[in-house]
Amino acid sequence: EEERLRLLKGTGVPEAVEKDLVNIRSEYYSIVLPFMEAHSDLFSPSVRSLELYQQLVALVMAYRNKG
């Protein structure tokens, strides 16, 4: 972890990642989770996690500019 932060120092990457994580958490708790809870017949408790949402956002972001 220290080595990674040392290598990225001055690039703006750690700050951008932290900003993204803050935005993802905010979006999850203010929009996504309330939506899933309102439609609990479609979303079981096992899929209502911030961790899963972060993985899905990462997947979408990884492929959004391809194609």
N, C-alpha and C. Protein backbone atom coordinates (compact mmCIF):
# COMPACT_ATOMS: atom_id res chain seq x y z
N GLU A 1 0.83 -1.20 0.00
CA GLU A 1 0.00 0.00 0.00
C GLU A 1 0.87 1.26 0.00
N GLU A 2 1.87 1.29 0.86
CA GLU A 2 2.76 2.45 0.92
C GLU A 2 3.50 2.66 -0.39
N GLU A 3 3.96 1.57 -0.98
CA GLU A 3 4.69 1.65 -2.26
C GLU A 3 3.77 2.20 -3.35
N ARG A 4 2.55 1.71 -3.38
CA ARG A 4 1.59 2.17 -4.38
C ARG A 4 1.33 3.66 -4.22
N LEU A 5 1.10 4.09 -2.99
CA LEU A 5 0.86 5.52 -2.75
C LEU A 5 2.08 6.37 -3.10
N ARG A 6 3.26 5.84 -2.82
CA ARG A 6 4.49 6.57 -3.15
C ARG A 6 4.61 6.74 -4.66
N LEU A 7 4.33 5.68 -5.41
CA LEU A 7 4.44 5.74 -6.87
C LEU A 7 3.38 6.66 -7.49
N LEU A 8 2.23 6.74 -6.86
CA LEU A 8 1.14 7.57 -7.40
C LEU A 8 1.16 9.00 -6.90
N LYS A 9 2.03 9.29 -5.95
CA LYS A 9 2.09 10.63 -5.37
C LYS A 9 2.31 11.69 -6.47
N GLY A 10 1.49 12.72 -6.42
CA GLY A 10 1.61 13.81 -7.38
C GLY A 10 0.87 13.59 -8.69
N THR A 11 0.26 12.40 -8.85
CA THR A 11 -0.45 12.13 -10.10
C THR A 11 -1.92 12.54 -10.05
N GLY A 12 -2.44 12.71 -8.85
CA GLY A 12 -3.86 13.02 -8.71
C GLY A 12 -4.75 11.80 -8.69
N VAL A 13 -4.17 10.63 -8.94
CA VAL A 13 -4.96 9.40 -8.99
C VAL A 13 -5.58 9.05 -7.63
N PRO A 14 -4.81 9.04 -6.54
CA PRO A 14 -5.44 8.70 -5.25
C PRO A 14 -6.60 9.63 -4.89
N GLU A 15 -6.46 10.90 -5.17
CA GLU A 15 -7.53 11.85 -4.88
C GLU A 15 -8.76 11.59 -5.76
N ALA A 16 -8.52 11.26 -7.02
CA ALA A 16 -9.63 10.97 -7.94
C ALA A 16 -10.37 9.70 -7.51
N VAL A 17 -9.62 8.70 -7.08
CA VAL A 17 -10.23 7.46 -6.61
C VAL A 17 -11.06 7.72 -5.37
N GLU A 18 -10.52 8.47 -4.43
CA GLU A 18 -11.26 8.77 -3.20
C GLU A 18 -12.53 9.55 -3.52
N LYS A 19 -12.45 10.50 -4.45
CA LYS A 19 -13.64 11.26 -4.85
C LYS A 19 -14.69 10.33 -5.46
N ASP A 20 -14.25 9.41 -6.31
CA ASP A 20 -15.18 8.45 -6.91
C ASP A 20 -15.85 7.60 -5.84
N LEU A 21 -15.06 7.12 -4.86
CA LEU A 21 -15.62 6.29 -3.80
C LEU A 21 -16.65 7.05 -2.97
N VAL A 22 -16.38 8.31 -2.68
CA VAL A 22 -17.34 9.13 -1.94
C VAL A 22 -18.62 9.28 -2.75
N ASN A 23 -18.50 9.54 -4.05
CA ASN A 23 -19.68 9.70 -4.91
C ASN A 23 -20.47 8.40 -5.02
N ILE A 24 -19.76 7.28 -5.14
CA ILE A 24 -20.43 5.98 -5.25
C ILE A 24 -21.20 5.67 -3.96
N ARG A 25 -20.57 5.91 -2.81
CA ARG A 25 -21.25 5.67 -1.53
C ARG A 25 -22.49 6.55 -1.41
N SER A 26 -22.36 7.81 -1.75
CA SER A 26 -23.48 8.74 -1.67
C SER A 26 -24.63 8.30 -2.57
N GLU A 27 -24.31 7.95 -3.80
CA GLU A 27 -25.31 7.50 -4.76
C GLU A 27 -25.99 6.22 -4.28
N TYR A 28 -25.20 5.30 -3.73
CA TYR A 28 -25.76 4.04 -3.26
C TYR A 28 -26.78 4.27 -2.15
N TYR A 29 -26.39 5.04 -1.13
CA TYR A 29 -27.28 5.23 0.02
C TYR A 29 -28.45 6.17 -0.26
N SER A 30 -28.29 7.11 -1.19
CA SER A 30 -29.38 8.05 -1.44
C SER A 30 -30.32 7.63 -2.57
N ILE A 31 -29.83 6.78 -3.50
CA ILE A 31 -30.65 6.41 -4.66
C ILE A 31 -30.84 4.90 -4.78
N VAL A 32 -29.73 4.18 -4.85
CA VAL A 32 -29.78 2.76 -5.18
C VAL A 32 -30.44 1.93 -4.08
N LEU A 33 -29.96 2.06 -2.85
CA LEU A 33 -30.52 1.27 -1.76
C LEU A 33 -32.00 1.57 -1.53
N PRO A 34 -32.41 2.84 -1.48
CA PRO A 34 -33.86 3.09 -1.34
C PRO A 34 -34.69 2.49 -2.48
N PHE A 35 -34.16 2.51 -3.69
CA PHE A 35 -34.87 1.92 -4.82
C PHE A 35 -35.01 0.41 -4.63
N MET A 36 -33.91 -0.25 -4.25
CA MET A 36 -33.95 -1.71 -4.05
C MET A 36 -34.88 -2.07 -2.90
N GLU A 37 -34.88 -1.27 -1.84
CA GLU A 37 -35.76 -1.55 -0.71
C GLU A 37 -37.22 -1.34 -1.08
N ALA A 38 -37.49 -0.36 -1.93
CA ALA A 38 -38.86 -0.11 -2.39
C ALA A 38 -39.36 -1.23 -3.31
N HIS A 39 -38.42 -1.95 -3.90
CA HIS A 39 -38.75 -3.06 -4.80
C HIS A 39 -38.13 -4.35 -4.27
N SER A 40 -38.38 -4.61 -2.99
CA SER A 40 -37.76 -5.77 -2.35
C SER A 40 -38.22 -7.10 -2.95
N ASP A 41 -39.32 -7.07 -3.70
CA ASP A 41 -39.75 -8.29 -4.39
C ASP A 41 -38.81 -8.63 -5.54
N LEU A 42 -38.05 -7.67 -6.02
CA LEU A 42 -37.11 -7.89 -7.12
C LEU A 42 -35.66 -8.01 -6.66
N PHE A 43 -35.33 -7.42 -5.52
CA PHE A 43 -33.95 -7.39 -5.03
C PHE A 43 -33.85 -8.05 -3.67
N SER A 44 -33.30 -9.24 -3.63
CA SER A 44 -33.15 -9.94 -2.35
C SER A 44 -32.09 -9.24 -1.50
N PRO A 45 -32.15 -9.43 -0.19
CA PRO A 45 -31.15 -8.79 0.69
C PRO A 45 -29.71 -9.14 0.32
N SER A 46 -29.49 -10.30 -0.27
CA SER A 46 -28.12 -10.72 -0.61
C SER A 46 -27.47 -9.85 -1.69
N VAL A 47 -28.27 -9.13 -2.46
CA VAL A 47 -27.69 -8.27 -3.51
C VAL A 47 -27.71 -6.79 -3.13
N ARG A 48 -28.16 -6.49 -1.93
CA ARG A 48 -28.24 -5.10 -1.48
C ARG A 48 -27.02 -4.73 -0.66
N SER A 49 -25.86 -4.72 -1.31
CA SER A 49 -24.64 -4.36 -0.57
C SER A 49 -23.85 -3.30 -1.33
N LEU A 50 -23.23 -2.44 -0.57
CA LEU A 50 -22.37 -1.41 -1.15
C LEU A 50 -21.22 -2.05 -1.91
N GLU A 51 -20.67 -3.13 -1.38
CA GLU A 51 -19.54 -3.79 -2.02
C GLU A 51 -19.90 -4.29 -3.42
N LEU A 52 -21.06 -4.93 -3.55
CA LEU A 52 -21.50 -5.40 -4.86
C LEU A 52 -21.74 -4.23 -5.80
N TYR A 53 -22.35 -3.17 -5.29
CA TYR A 53 -22.58 -1.99 -6.12
C TYR A 53 -21.27 -1.39 -6.61
N GLN A 54 -20.26 -1.33 -5.75
CA GLN A 54 -18.94 -0.82 -6.15
C GLN A 54 -18.34 -1.68 -7.26
N GLN A 55 -18.49 -2.99 -7.16
CA GLN A 55 -17.97 -3.88 -8.19
C GLN A 55 -18.70 -3.66 -9.52
N LEU A 56 -20.00 -3.49 -9.45
CA LEU A 56 -20.78 -3.26 -10.68
C LEU A 56 -20.43 -1.92 -11.32
N VAL A 57 -20.25 -0.90 -10.51
CA VAL A 57 -19.85 0.41 -11.05
C VAL A 57 -18.47 0.30 -11.70
N ALA A 58 -17.55 -0.41 -11.07
CA ALA A 58 -16.21 -0.58 -11.64
C ALA A 58 -16.29 -1.30 -12.97
N LEU A 59 -17.13 -2.32 -13.07
CA LEU A 59 -17.29 -3.06 -14.33
C LEU A 59 -17.83 -2.15 -15.43
N VAL A 60 -18.85 -1.39 -15.12
CA VAL A 60 -19.44 -0.47 -16.11
C VAL A 60 -18.42 0.58 -16.53
N MET A 61 -17.71 1.15 -15.57
CA MET A 61 -16.73 2.18 -15.90
C MET A 61 -15.58 1.62 -16.74
N ALA A 62 -15.23 0.37 -16.51
CA ALA A 62 -14.13 -0.25 -17.25
C ALA A 62 -14.47 -0.43 -18.72
N TYR A 63 -15.75 -0.63 -19.02
CA TYR A 63 -16.15 -0.92 -20.40
C TYR A 63 -16.95 0.18 -21.07
N ARG A 64 -17.18 1.29 -20.39
CA ARG A 64 -18.06 2.33 -20.95
C ARG A 64 -17.48 3.02 -22.18
N ASN A 65 -16.18 3.06 -22.33
CA ASN A 65 -15.56 3.73 -23.48
C ASN A 65 -15.08 2.75 -24.54
N LYS A 66 -15.45 1.51 -24.41
CA LYS A 66 -15.01 0.50 -25.39
C LYS A 66 -16.17 0.19 -26.32
N GLY A 67 -16.02 0.54 -27.56
CA GLY A 67 -17.03 0.17 -28.52
C GLY A 67 -17.91 1.29 -28.84
